[in-house]
Amino acid sequence: MPYINVRGVEHYYEWVKQPSDRAKPVMVFIHGWAGSARYWKSTANALVDQFDCLLYDMRGFGRSQGKPTVVEVSESVVESQSSQQKSQAVQELSYELEEYAEDLAVLLDKLNLQRVYINAHSMGASVAALFFNLYPQRVEKAILTCSGIFEYDEKAFTSFHKFGGYVVKFRPNWLGKIPFVDRMFMARFLHRPIPKYERQAFLQDFLDADYDTALGTIFTSVSKAQAELMPHEFAKLQVPTLLIAGEYDKIIPAEMGRQAAALNDKVEFVMIPNTAHFPMLEDAPTYLRRVREFLQVPVAELQVS
């Protein structure tokens, strides 16, 4: 499996592309909390006629390492730095979403990618929105899937953090061996069924997620600071963006996406009926049609591998 060192952390990545005599634009896919690039594979396969697709696992999720080591960091910093400086470099990596946006910038630099298309989902969409405003010159067009803005509610956030902490802590490996647990695990995320292998992959990604990362990103992605920040980030977007919501999404309700899109005329809002938090899997033909229309890519046969 291909790995690349990004800010001292080994990141898993893969290309989905076809042999071609012509250069194709690159589309980068970013997954959500406790997931991995695996669930973007079918969407990438469907768009490979027009794009070279780059999939990667964010730091601490999927197949990517959770924490840097001093040895790894020392390879990416100036050789003359002291041990103390190298140790500080390790400590500076946090679970703030802005840090994940910087991870993406370094990944693109290492792969010599200057300007790309981006399709990001859920927490990954928040990371992407921050990236768009930090590096607008690097993004041609963008798709945010299941994203939006939310109001701060101290009581609700406190309860969410408490429950999320319990869920992250109680993740025995044997959980994945219980019959039908994958179906129960995904029930809150879906309105339509998805294949069993997709459900099982989601569950395994959740079980494999680095503990500190999974817990840390719960607190940074659902927080008062994030609730106050994201409306400003959406309002100042310069990148043409399609925001896709699932009609019955319980994680990030469609209305949150509609409110975010209303802040900026560069953001187009689309709701896909009869889907929830994974419209790209629950109704792939409609999702792909909307994406192609937005990108103004010629409509090819909408075939999902």
C-alpha atoms as a PDB file:
ATOM      1  CA  MET A   1       0.000   0.000   0.000  1.00  0.00           C
ATOM      2  CA  PRO A   2       1.314   3.486  -0.850  1.00  0.00           C
ATOM      3  CA  TYR A   3       2.161   5.809   2.029  1.00  0.00           C
ATOM      4  CA  ILE A   4       3.533   9.326   2.101  1.00  0.00           C
ATOM      5  CA  ASN A   5       5.005  11.253   5.014  1.00  0.00           C
ATOM      6  CA  VAL A   6       3.008  14.402   5.726  1.00  0.00           C
ATOM      7  CA  ARG A   7       4.282  16.571   8.576  1.00  0.00           C
ATOM      8  CA  GLY A   8       5.896  13.566  10.206  1.00  0.00           C
ATOM      9  CA  VAL A   9       2.874  11.281   9.876  1.00  0.00           C
ATOM     10  CA  GLU A  10       2.569   8.348   7.486  1.00  0.00           C
ATOM     11  CA  HIS A  11      -0.565   8.911   5.384  1.00  0.00           C
ATOM     12  CA  TYR A  12      -2.202   6.248   3.234  1.00  0.00           C
ATOM     13  CA  TYR A  13      -3.171   7.386  -0.264  1.00  0.00           C
ATOM     14  CA  GLU A  14      -4.133   5.846  -3.570  1.00  0.00           C
ATOM     15  CA  TRP A  15      -4.838   6.889  -7.128  1.00  0.00           C
ATOM     16  CA  VAL A  16      -7.910   5.837  -9.069  1.00  0.00           C
ATOM     17  CA  LYS A  17      -7.183   6.571 -12.697  1.00  0.00           C
ATOM     18  CA  GLN A  18      -7.300   5.122 -16.198  1.00  0.00           C
ATOM     19  CA  PRO A  19      -4.405   4.903 -18.636  1.00  0.00           C
ATOM     20  CA  SER A  20      -4.757   7.897 -20.917  1.00  0.00           C
ATOM     21  CA  ASP A  21      -2.800   9.837 -23.492  1.00  0.00           C
ATOM     22  CA  ARG A  22      -4.253  13.128 -22.297  1.00  0.00           C
ATOM     23  CA  ALA A  23      -3.771  14.911 -19.001  1.00  0.00           C
ATOM     24  CA  LYS A  24      -6.816  14.885 -16.768  1.00  0.00           C
ATOM     25  CA  PRO A  25      -7.698  17.210 -13.914  1.00  0.00           C
ATOM     26  CA  VAL A  26      -7.293  15.780 -10.413  1.00  0.00           C
ATOM     27  CA  MET A  27     -10.162  15.345  -7.981  1.00  0.00           C
ATOM     28  CA  VAL A  28      -9.234  14.856  -4.313  1.00  0.00           C
ATOM     29  CA  PHE A  29     -11.674  13.034  -2.020  1.00  0.00           C
ATOM     30  CA  ILE A  30     -11.806  13.708   1.741  1.00  0.00           C
ATOM     31  CA  HIS A  31     -13.685  11.411   4.121  1.00  0.00           C
ATOM     32  CA  GLY A  32     -15.532  12.177   7.330  1.00  0.00           C
ATOM     33  CA  TRP A  33     -15.071  11.427  11.025  1.00  0.00           C
ATOM     34  CA  ALA A  34     -13.878   7.889  11.865  1.00  0.00           C
ATOM     35  CA  GLY A  35     -14.084   6.883   8.211  1.00  0.00           C
ATOM     36  CA  SER A  36     -11.556   6.363   5.461  1.00  0.00           C
ATOM     37  CA  ALA A  37     -11.090   6.838   1.737  1.00  0.00           C
ATOM     38  CA  ARG A  38     -12.640   3.397   1.202  1.00  0.00           C
ATOM     39  CA  TYR A  39     -16.191   4.691   0.949  1.00  0.00           C
ATOM     40  CA  TRP A  40     -15.249   7.142  -1.816  1.00  0.00           C
ATOM     41  CA  LYS A  41     -13.930   4.365  -4.071  1.00  0.00           C
ATOM     42  CA  SER A  42     -17.171   3.753  -6.000  1.00  0.00           C
ATOM     43  CA  THR A  43     -17.659   7.492  -6.634  1.00  0.00           C
ATOM     44  CA  ALA A  44     -14.068   7.810  -7.840  1.00  0.00           C
ATOM     45  CA  ASN A  45     -14.520   4.817 -10.141  1.00  0.00           C
ATOM     46  CA  ALA A  46     -17.593   6.455 -11.644  1.00  0.00           C
ATOM     47  CA  LEU A  47     -15.748   9.741 -12.343  1.00  0.00           C
ATOM     48  CA  VAL A  48     -12.495   8.238 -13.559  1.00  0.00           C
ATOM     49  CA  ASP A  49     -13.419   8.877 -17.189  1.00  0.00           C
ATOM     50  CA  GLN A  50     -12.927  12.596 -16.592  1.00  0.00           C
ATOM     51  CA  PHE A  51     -10.658  12.823 -13.531  1.00  0.00           C
ATOM     52  CA  ASP A  52      -7.587  11.283 -11.996  1.00  0.00           C
ATOM     53  CA  CYS A  53      -8.924  10.668  -8.502  1.00  0.00           C
ATOM     54  CA  LEU A  54      -6.785  10.961  -5.379  1.00  0.00           C
ATOM     55  CA  LEU A  55      -8.054   9.279  -2.217  1.00  0.00           C
ATOM     56  CA  TYR A  56      -6.320   9.489   1.156  1.00  0.00           C
ATOM     57  CA  ASP A  57      -6.962   8.700   4.815  1.00  0.00           C
ATOM     58  CA  MET A  58      -6.725  11.688   7.124  1.00  0.00           C
ATOM     59  CA  ARG A  59      -4.317  11.623  10.036  1.00  0.00           C
ATOM     60  CA  GLY A  60      -5.431   9.128  12.687  1.00  0.00           C
ATOM     61  CA  PHE A  61      -8.147   7.522  10.558  1.00  0.00           C
ATOM     62  CA  GLY A  62      -8.314   4.508   8.290  1.00  0.00           C
ATOM     63  CA  ARG A  63      -4.851   3.302   7.362  1.00  0.00           C
ATOM     64  CA  SER A  64      -3.024   6.527   8.250  1.00  0.00           C
ATOM     65  CA  GLN A  65      -0.871   6.881  11.324  1.00  0.00           C
ATOM     66  CA  GLY A  66      -2.281   8.809  14.268  1.00  0.00           C
ATOM     67  CA  LYS A  67       0.809  10.482  15.650  1.00  0.00           C
ATOM     68  CA  PRO A  68       4.223  11.496  14.377  1.00  0.00           C
ATOM     69  CA  THR A  69       7.402  10.286  15.971  1.00  0.00           C
ATOM     70  CA  VAL A  70      10.505  12.354  16.608  1.00  0.00           C
ATOM     71  CA  VAL A  71      12.377  10.243  14.054  1.00  0.00           C
ATOM     72  CA  GLU A  72       9.777  10.896  11.360  1.00  0.00           C
ATOM     73  CA  VAL A  73       9.545  14.583  12.109  1.00  0.00           C
ATOM     74  CA  SER A  74      13.321  14.918  12.041  1.00  0.00           C
ATOM     75  CA  GLU A  75      13.278  13.766   8.424  1.00  0.00           C
ATOM     76  CA  SER A  76      10.977  16.604   7.442  1.00  0.00           C
ATOM     77  CA  VAL A  77      12.693  19.444   9.279  1.00  0.00           C
ATOM     78  CA  VAL A  78      16.020  21.122   8.802  1.00  0.00           C
ATOM     79  CA  GLU A  79      18.827  18.834   9.928  1.00  0.00           C
ATOM     80  CA  SER A  80      20.353  21.530  12.112  1.00  0.00           C
ATOM     81  CA  GLN A  81      17.310  21.758  14.397  1.00  0.00           C
ATOM     82  CA  SER A  82      17.862  20.770  18.003  1.00  0.00           C
ATOM     83  CA  SER A  83      16.140  17.802  19.657  1.00  0.00           C
ATOM     84  CA  GLN A  84      14.005  20.235  21.635  1.00  0.00           C
ATOM     85  CA  GLN A  85      12.810  21.904  18.442  1.00  0.00           C
ATOM     86  CA  LYS A  86      11.970  18.532  16.938  1.00  0.00           C
ATOM     87  CA  SER A  87       9.988  17.545  20.011  1.00  0.00           C
ATOM     88  CA  GLN A  88       8.082  20.822  19.786  1.00  0.00           C
ATOM     89  CA  ALA A  89       7.267  20.053  16.145  1.00  0.00           C
ATOM     90  CA  VAL A  90       5.624  16.810  17.294  1.00  0.00           C
ATOM     91  CA  GLN A  91       3.585  18.627  19.930  1.00  0.00           C
ATOM     92  CA  GLU A  92       2.377  21.295  17.510  1.00  0.00           C
ATOM     93  CA  LEU A  93       0.214  18.842  15.545  1.00  0.00           C
ATOM     94  CA  SER A  94      -3.267  19.038  17.040  1.00  0.00           C
ATOM     95  CA  TYR A  95      -6.762  17.868  16.179  1.00  0.00           C
ATOM     96  CA  GLU A  96      -7.972  21.306  15.122  1.00  0.00           C
ATOM     97  CA  LEU A  97      -9.599  21.161  11.705  1.00  0.00           C
ATOM     98  CA  GLU A  98      -7.274  23.913  10.463  1.00  0.00           C
ATOM     99  CA  GLU A  99      -4.377  21.513  11.080  1.00  0.00           C
ATOM    100  CA  TYR A 100      -6.053  18.939   8.847  1.00  0.00           C
ATOM    101  CA  ALA A 101      -6.382  21.606   6.157  1.00  0.00           C
ATOM    102  CA  GLU A 102      -2.638  22.182   6.442  1.00  0.00           C
ATOM    103  CA  ASP A 103      -2.076  18.424   6.177  1.00  0.00           C
ATOM    104  CA  LEU A 104      -3.890  18.527   2.840  1.00  0.00           C
ATOM    105  CA  ALA A 105      -1.765  21.423   1.591  1.00  0.00           C
ATOM    106  CA  VAL A 106       1.433  19.514   2.392  1.00  0.00           C
ATOM    107  CA  LEU A 107       0.074  16.346   0.781  1.00  0.00           C
ATOM    108  CA  LEU A 108      -0.629  18.240  -2.451  1.00  0.00           C
ATOM    109  CA  ASP A 109       2.835  19.793  -2.350  1.00  0.00           C
ATOM    110  CA  LYS A 110       4.481  16.398  -1.924  1.00  0.00           C
ATOM    111  CA  LEU A 111       2.523  15.014  -4.881  1.00  0.00           C
ATOM    112  CA  ASN A 112       3.301  18.122  -6.990  1.00  0.00           C
ATOM    113  CA  LEU A 113      -0.374  19.008  -7.395  1.00  0.00           C
ATOM    114  CA  GLN A 114      -0.978  22.724  -7.821  1.00  0.00           C
ATOM    115  CA  ARG A 115      -4.688  23.065  -8.618  1.00  0.00           C
ATOM    116  CA  VAL A 116      -7.348  20.427  -8.002  1.00  0.00           C
ATOM    117  CA  TYR A 117     -11.044  19.701  -7.673  1.00  0.00           C
ATOM    118  CA  ILE A 118     -12.169  18.574  -4.211  1.00  0.00           C
ATOM    119  CA  ASN A 119     -15.069  16.436  -3.013  1.00  0.00           C
ATOM    120  CA  ALA A 120     -15.295  16.268   0.786  1.00  0.00           C
ATOM    121  CA  HIS A 121     -17.795  14.697   3.166  1.00  0.00           C
ATOM    122  CA  SER A 122     -19.083  15.538   6.658  1.00  0.00           C
ATOM    123  CA  MET A 123     -16.186  16.508   8.971  1.00  0.00           C
ATOM    124  CA  GLY A 124     -13.938  16.332   5.924  1.00  0.00           C
ATOM    125  CA  ALA A 125     -16.142  18.979   4.308  1.00  0.00           C
ATOM    126  CA  SER A 126     -15.419  21.341   7.211  1.00  0.00           C
ATOM    127  CA  VAL A 127     -11.712  20.703   6.704  1.00  0.00           C
ATOM    128  CA  ALA A 128     -12.160  21.389   2.994  1.00  0.00           C
ATOM    129  CA  ALA A 129     -14.016  24.668   3.558  1.00  0.00           C
ATOM    130  CA  LEU A 130     -11.120  25.896   5.690  1.00  0.00           C
ATOM    131  CA  PHE A 131      -8.674  24.762   3.002  1.00  0.00           C
ATOM    132  CA  PHE A 132     -10.621  26.655   0.301  1.00  0.00           C
ATOM    133  CA  ASN A 133     -10.205  29.919   2.164  1.00  0.00           C
ATOM    134  CA  LEU A 134      -6.582  29.304   3.084  1.00  0.00           C
ATOM    135  CA  TYR A 135      -5.605  28.248  -0.452  1.00  0.00           C
ATOM    136  CA  PRO A 136      -8.308  29.428  -2.907  1.00  0.00           C
ATOM    137  CA  GLN A 137      -5.792  29.476  -5.754  1.00  0.00           C
ATOM    138  CA  ARG A 138      -5.366  25.703  -5.432  1.00  0.00           C
ATOM    139  CA  VAL A 139      -9.020  24.742  -5.976  1.00  0.00           C
ATOM    140  CA  GLU A 140     -10.826  24.780  -9.321  1.00  0.00           C
ATOM    141  CA  LYS A 141     -14.277  23.709  -8.089  1.00  0.00           C
ATOM    142  CA  ALA A 142     -15.515  21.959  -4.974  1.00  0.00           C
ATOM    143  CA  ILE A 143     -18.244  19.634  -3.762  1.00  0.00           C
ATOM    144  CA  LEU A 144     -19.173  19.543  -0.086  1.00  0.00           C
ATOM    145  CA  THR A 145     -21.285  16.511   0.725  1.00  0.00           C
ATOM    146  CA  CYS A 146     -23.347  16.646   3.931  1.00  0.00           C
ATOM    147  CA  SER A 147     -22.013  19.873   5.365  1.00  0.00           C
ATOM    148  CA  GLY A 148     -23.513  22.966   6.951  1.00  0.00           C
ATOM    149  CA  ILE A 149     -23.559  25.417   9.817  1.00  0.00           C
ATOM    150  CA  PHE A 150     -25.013  24.872  13.284  1.00  0.00           C
ATOM    151  CA  GLU A 151     -25.837  26.971  16.305  1.00  0.00           C
ATOM    152  CA  TYR A 152     -24.036  26.492  19.596  1.00  0.00           C
ATOM    153  CA  ASP A 153     -26.104  24.813  22.304  1.00  0.00           C
ATOM    154  CA  GLU A 154     -24.068  24.282  25.473  1.00  0.00           C
ATOM    155  CA  LYS A 155     -26.296  21.576  26.920  1.00  0.00           C
ATOM    156  CA  ALA A 156     -26.592  19.654  23.659  1.00  0.00           C
ATOM    157  CA  PHE A 157     -22.862  19.930  22.925  1.00  0.00           C
ATOM    158  CA  THR A 158     -21.936  18.759  26.424  1.00  0.00           C
ATOM    159  CA  SER A 159     -24.209  15.737  26.073  1.00  0.00           C
ATOM    160  CA  PHE A 160     -22.813  14.993  22.627  1.00  0.00           C
ATOM    161  CA  HIS A 161     -19.229  15.126  23.863  1.00  0.00           C
ATOM    162  CA  LYS A 162     -20.041  12.874  26.804  1.00  0.00           C
ATOM    163  CA  PHE A 163     -21.793  10.321  24.628  1.00  0.00           C
ATOM    164  CA  GLY A 164     -19.114  10.556  21.923  1.00  0.00           C
ATOM    165  CA  GLY A 165     -16.388   9.956  24.481  1.00  0.00           C
ATOM    166  CA  TYR A 166     -18.140   6.823  25.669  1.00  0.00           C
ATOM    167  CA  VAL A 167     -18.613   5.542  22.120  1.00  0.00           C
ATOM    168  CA  VAL A 168     -14.946   6.104  21.272  1.00  0.00           C
ATOM    169  CA  LYS A 169     -13.774   4.453  24.481  1.00  0.00           C
ATOM    170  CA  PHE A 170     -15.942   1.358  24.137  1.00  0.00           C
ATOM    171  CA  ARG A 171     -14.765  -0.135  20.838  1.00  0.00           C
ATOM    172  CA  PRO A 172     -13.738  -3.759  21.472  1.00  0.00           C
ATOM    173  CA  ASN A 173     -12.347  -5.514  18.396  1.00  0.00           C
ATOM    174  CA  TRP A 174     -14.799  -8.363  18.845  1.00  0.00           C
ATOM    175  CA  LEU A 175     -17.669  -5.958  18.142  1.00  0.00           C
ATOM    176  CA  GLY A 176     -17.187  -6.455  14.418  1.00  0.00           C
ATOM    177  CA  LYS A 177     -17.773 -10.209  14.748  1.00  0.00           C
ATOM    178  CA  ILE A 178     -21.296  -9.904  16.133  1.00  0.00           C
ATOM    179  CA  PRO A 179     -23.930 -10.763  13.484  1.00  0.00           C
ATOM    180  CA  PHE A 180     -25.855  -7.765  12.100  1.00  0.00           C
ATOM    181  CA  VAL A 181     -23.890  -5.267  14.205  1.00  0.00           C
ATOM    182  CA  ASP A 182     -22.804  -3.502  11.006  1.00  0.00           C
ATOM    183  CA  ARG A 183     -26.465  -2.982  10.130  1.00  0.00           C
ATOM    184  CA  MET A 184     -27.220  -1.569  13.575  1.00  0.00           C
ATOM    185  CA  PHE A 185     -24.096   0.606  13.519  1.00  0.00           C
ATOM    186  CA  MET A 186     -25.054   2.229  10.203  1.00  0.00           C
ATOM    187  CA  ALA A 187     -28.795   2.579  10.882  1.00  0.00           C
ATOM    188  CA  ARG A 188     -28.513   6.177  12.108  1.00  0.00           C
ATOM    189  CA  PHE A 189     -26.503   7.224   9.043  1.00  0.00           C
ATOM    190  CA  LEU A 190     -28.707   5.787   6.296  1.00  0.00           C
ATOM    191  CA  HIS A 191     -32.184   6.120   4.843  1.00  0.00           C
ATOM    192  CA  ARG A 192     -31.625   3.608   2.049  1.00  0.00           C
ATOM    193  CA  PRO A 193     -29.673   0.357   2.350  1.00  0.00           C
ATOM    194  CA  ILE A 194     -26.104   0.062   1.093  1.00  0.00           C
ATOM    195  CA  PRO A 195     -24.156  -3.137   0.355  1.00  0.00           C
ATOM    196  CA  LYS A 196     -23.046  -5.257   3.291  1.00  0.00           C
ATOM    197  CA  TYR A 197     -19.350  -4.895   2.449  1.00  0.00           C
ATOM    198  CA  GLU A 198     -19.725  -1.101   2.655  1.00  0.00           C
ATOM    199  CA  ARG A 199     -21.379  -1.343   6.090  1.00  0.00           C
ATOM    200  CA  GLN A 200     -18.664  -3.682   7.343  1.00  0.00           C
ATOM    201  CA  ALA A 201     -15.915  -1.389   6.054  1.00  0.00           C
ATOM    202  CA  PHE A 202     -17.477   1.564   7.911  1.00  0.00           C
ATOM    203  CA  LEU A 203     -17.595  -0.424  11.127  1.00  0.00           C
ATOM    204  CA  GLN A 204     -13.986  -1.565  10.755  1.00  0.00           C
ATOM    205  CA  ASP A 205     -12.801   1.988  10.099  1.00  0.00           C
ATOM    206  CA  PHE A 206     -14.572   3.109  13.267  1.00  0.00           C
ATOM    207  CA  LEU A 207     -12.955   0.325  15.297  1.00  0.00           C
ATOM    208  CA  ASP A 208      -9.507   1.085  13.844  1.00  0.00           C
ATOM    209  CA  ALA A 209      -9.568   4.869  14.339  1.00  0.00           C
ATOM    210  CA  ASP A 210      -6.836   6.188  16.632  1.00  0.00           C
ATOM    211  CA  TYR A 211      -8.323   6.846  20.085  1.00  0.00           C
ATOM    212  CA  ASP A 212      -6.846  10.310  20.640  1.00  0.00           C
ATOM    213  CA  THR A 213      -7.720  11.378  17.108  1.00  0.00           C
ATOM    214  CA  ALA A 214     -11.296  10.126  17.243  1.00  0.00           C
ATOM    215  CA  LEU A 215     -11.886  11.795  20.587  1.00  0.00           C
ATOM    216  CA  GLY A 216      -9.965  14.969  19.786  1.00  0.00           C
ATOM    217  CA  THR A 217     -11.826  15.620  16.534  1.00  0.00           C
ATOM    218  CA  ILE A 218     -15.183  15.191  18.271  1.00  0.00           C
ATOM    219  CA  PHE A 219     -14.299  18.158  20.469  1.00  0.00           C
ATOM    220  CA  THR A 220     -12.846  20.300  17.667  1.00  0.00           C
ATOM    221  CA  SER A 221     -15.487  19.657  14.991  1.00  0.00           C
ATOM    222  CA  VAL A 222     -18.508  20.049  17.291  1.00  0.00           C
ATOM    223  CA  SER A 223     -17.634  23.048  19.413  1.00  0.00           C
ATOM    224  CA  LYS A 224     -18.587  26.626  20.191  1.00  0.00           C
ATOM    225  CA  ALA A 225     -15.546  27.847  18.277  1.00  0.00           C
ATOM    226  CA  GLN A 226     -16.509  25.833  15.203  1.00  0.00           C
ATOM    227  CA  ALA A 227     -20.135  26.987  15.376  1.00  0.00           C
ATOM    228  CA  GLU A 228     -18.948  30.598  15.392  1.00  0.00           C
ATOM    229  CA  LEU A 229     -16.269  30.094  12.728  1.00  0.00           C
ATOM    230  CA  MET A 230     -18.014  28.166   9.961  1.00  0.00           C
ATOM    231  CA  PRO A 231     -20.628  30.796   9.000  1.00  0.00           C
ATOM    232  CA  HIS A 232     -17.762  33.226   8.351  1.00  0.00           C
ATOM    233  CA  GLU A 233     -15.879  30.582   6.356  1.00  0.00           C
ATOM    234  CA  PHE A 234     -18.896  29.897   4.142  1.00  0.00           C
ATOM    235  CA  ALA A 235     -19.586  33.614   3.698  1.00  0.00           C
ATOM    236  CA  LYS A 236     -16.103  34.336   2.340  1.00  0.00           C
ATOM    237  CA  LEU A 237     -15.729  31.333   0.008  1.00  0.00           C
ATOM    238  CA  GLN A 238     -14.313  32.285  -3.378  1.00  0.00           C
ATOM    239  CA  VAL A 239     -14.341  28.789  -4.851  1.00  0.00           C
ATOM    240  CA  PRO A 240     -17.412  27.694  -6.874  1.00  0.00           C
ATOM    241  CA  THR A 241     -18.959  25.084  -4.603  1.00  0.00           C
ATOM    242  CA  LEU A 242     -21.779  22.553  -4.777  1.00  0.00           C
ATOM    243  CA  LEU A 243     -23.238  21.623  -1.382  1.00  0.00           C
ATOM    244  CA  ILE A 244     -25.117  18.310  -1.487  1.00  0.00           C
ATOM    245  CA  ALA A 245     -27.409  17.297   1.384  1.00  0.00           C
ATOM    246  CA  GLY A 246     -29.388  14.150   2.139  1.00  0.00           C
ATOM    247  CA  GLU A 247     -33.090  14.755   2.767  1.00  0.00           C
ATOM    248  CA  TYR A 248     -33.208  12.599   5.895  1.00  0.00           C
ATOM    249  CA  ASP A 249     -29.708  13.199   7.235  1.00  0.00           C
ATOM    250  CA  LYS A 250     -29.810  13.051  11.046  1.00  0.00           C
ATOM    251  CA  ILE A 251     -26.111  13.835  11.491  1.00  0.00           C
ATOM    252  CA  ILE A 252     -26.030  17.088   9.507  1.00  0.00           C
ATOM    253  CA  PRO A 253     -29.650  17.927   8.629  1.00  0.00           C
ATOM    254  CA  ALA A 254     -30.270  19.299   5.161  1.00  0.00           C
ATOM    255  CA  GLU A 255     -31.472  22.608   6.594  1.00  0.00           C
ATOM    256  CA  MET A 256     -27.976  23.229   7.989  1.00  0.00           C
ATOM    257  CA  GLY A 257     -26.620  22.887   4.473  1.00  0.00           C
ATOM    258  CA  ARG A 258     -29.301  25.151   3.050  1.00  0.00           C
ATOM    259  CA  GLN A 259     -28.446  27.847   5.616  1.00  0.00           C
ATOM    260  CA  ALA A 260     -24.729  27.588   4.799  1.00  0.00           C
ATOM    261  CA  ALA A 261     -25.352  27.894   1.063  1.00  0.00           C
ATOM    262  CA  ALA A 262     -27.565  30.941   1.591  1.00  0.00           C
ATOM    263  CA  LEU A 263     -24.551  32.845   2.941  1.00  0.00           C
ATOM    264  CA  ASN A 264     -22.698  32.914  -0.377  1.00  0.00           C
ATOM    265  CA  ASP A 265     -23.832  33.086  -4.008  1.00  0.00           C
ATOM    266  CA  LYS A 266     -20.854  30.936  -5.016  1.00  0.00           C
ATOM    267  CA  VAL A 267     -22.414  27.995  -3.167  1.00  0.00           C
ATOM    268  CA  GLU A 268     -25.116  26.006  -4.955  1.00  0.00           C
ATOM    269  CA  PHE A 269     -27.365  23.868  -2.744  1.00  0.00           C
ATOM    270  CA  VAL A 270     -28.850  20.527  -3.807  1.00  0.00           C
ATOM    271  CA  MET A 271     -30.847  18.094  -1.682  1.00  0.00           C
ATOM    272  CA  ILE A 272     -31.082  14.474  -2.798  1.00  0.00           C
ATOM    273  CA  PRO A 273     -34.448  12.956  -1.845  1.00  0.00           C
ATOM    274  CA  ASN A 274     -34.731   9.743   0.148  1.00  0.00           C
ATOM    275  CA  THR A 275     -31.114   9.720   1.295  1.00  0.00           C
ATOM    276  CA  ALA A 276     -29.404  10.485   4.582  1.00  0.00           C
ATOM    277  CA  HIS A 277     -25.729  10.973   5.496  1.00  0.00           C
ATOM    278  CA  PHE A 278     -24.245   9.032   2.549  1.00  0.00           C
ATOM    279  CA  PRO A 279     -26.138  10.143  -0.575  1.00  0.00           C
ATOM    280  CA  MET A 280     -23.200   9.133  -2.779  1.00  0.00           C
ATOM    281  CA  LEU A 281     -23.838   5.514  -1.754  1.00  0.00           C
ATOM    282  CA  GLU A 282     -27.578   5.562  -1.115  1.00  0.00           C
ATOM    283  CA  ASP A 283     -28.474   7.035  -4.522  1.00  0.00           C
ATOM    284  CA  ALA A 284     -25.316   7.014  -6.615  1.00  0.00           C
ATOM    285  CA  PRO A 285     -26.972   7.768 -10.015  1.00  0.00           C
ATOM    286  CA  THR A 286     -28.656  10.953  -8.750  1.00  0.00           C
ATOM    287  CA  TYR A 287     -25.567  12.017  -6.825  1.00  0.00           C
ATOM    288  CA  LEU A 288     -23.298  11.557  -9.843  1.00  0.00           C
ATOM    289  CA  ARG A 289     -25.712  13.335 -12.167  1.00  0.00           C
ATOM    290  CA  ARG A 290     -25.778  16.363  -9.868  1.00  0.00           C
ATOM    291  CA  VAL A 291     -21.993  16.370  -9.573  1.00  0.00           C
ATOM    292  CA  ARG A 292     -21.473  16.150 -13.335  1.00  0.00           C
ATOM    293  CA  GLU A 293     -24.002  18.908 -13.982  1.00  0.00           C
ATOM    294  CA  PHE A 294     -22.196  21.187 -11.556  1.00  0.00           C
ATOM    295  CA  LEU A 295     -18.764  20.369 -12.925  1.00  0.00           C
ATOM    296  CA  GLN A 296     -20.057  20.690 -16.491  1.00  0.00           C
ATOM    297  CA  VAL A 297     -18.492  17.364 -17.305  1.00  0.00           C
ATOM    298  CA  PRO A 298     -20.114  15.516 -20.257  1.00  0.00           C
ATOM    299  CA  VAL A 299     -22.587  12.950 -18.969  1.00  0.00           C
ATOM    300  CA  ALA A 300     -21.122   9.512 -19.415  1.00  0.00           C
ATOM    301  CA  GLU A 301     -22.702   6.245 -18.460  1.00  0.00           C
ATOM    302  CA  LEU A 302     -23.334   6.462 -14.721  1.00  0.00           C
ATOM    303  CA  GLN A 303     -21.825   3.154 -13.791  1.00  0.00           C
ATOM    304  CA  VAL A 304     -20.720   2.515 -10.226  1.00  0.00           C
ATOM    305  CA  SER A 305     -18.166  -0.223  -9.621  1.00  0.00           C
END
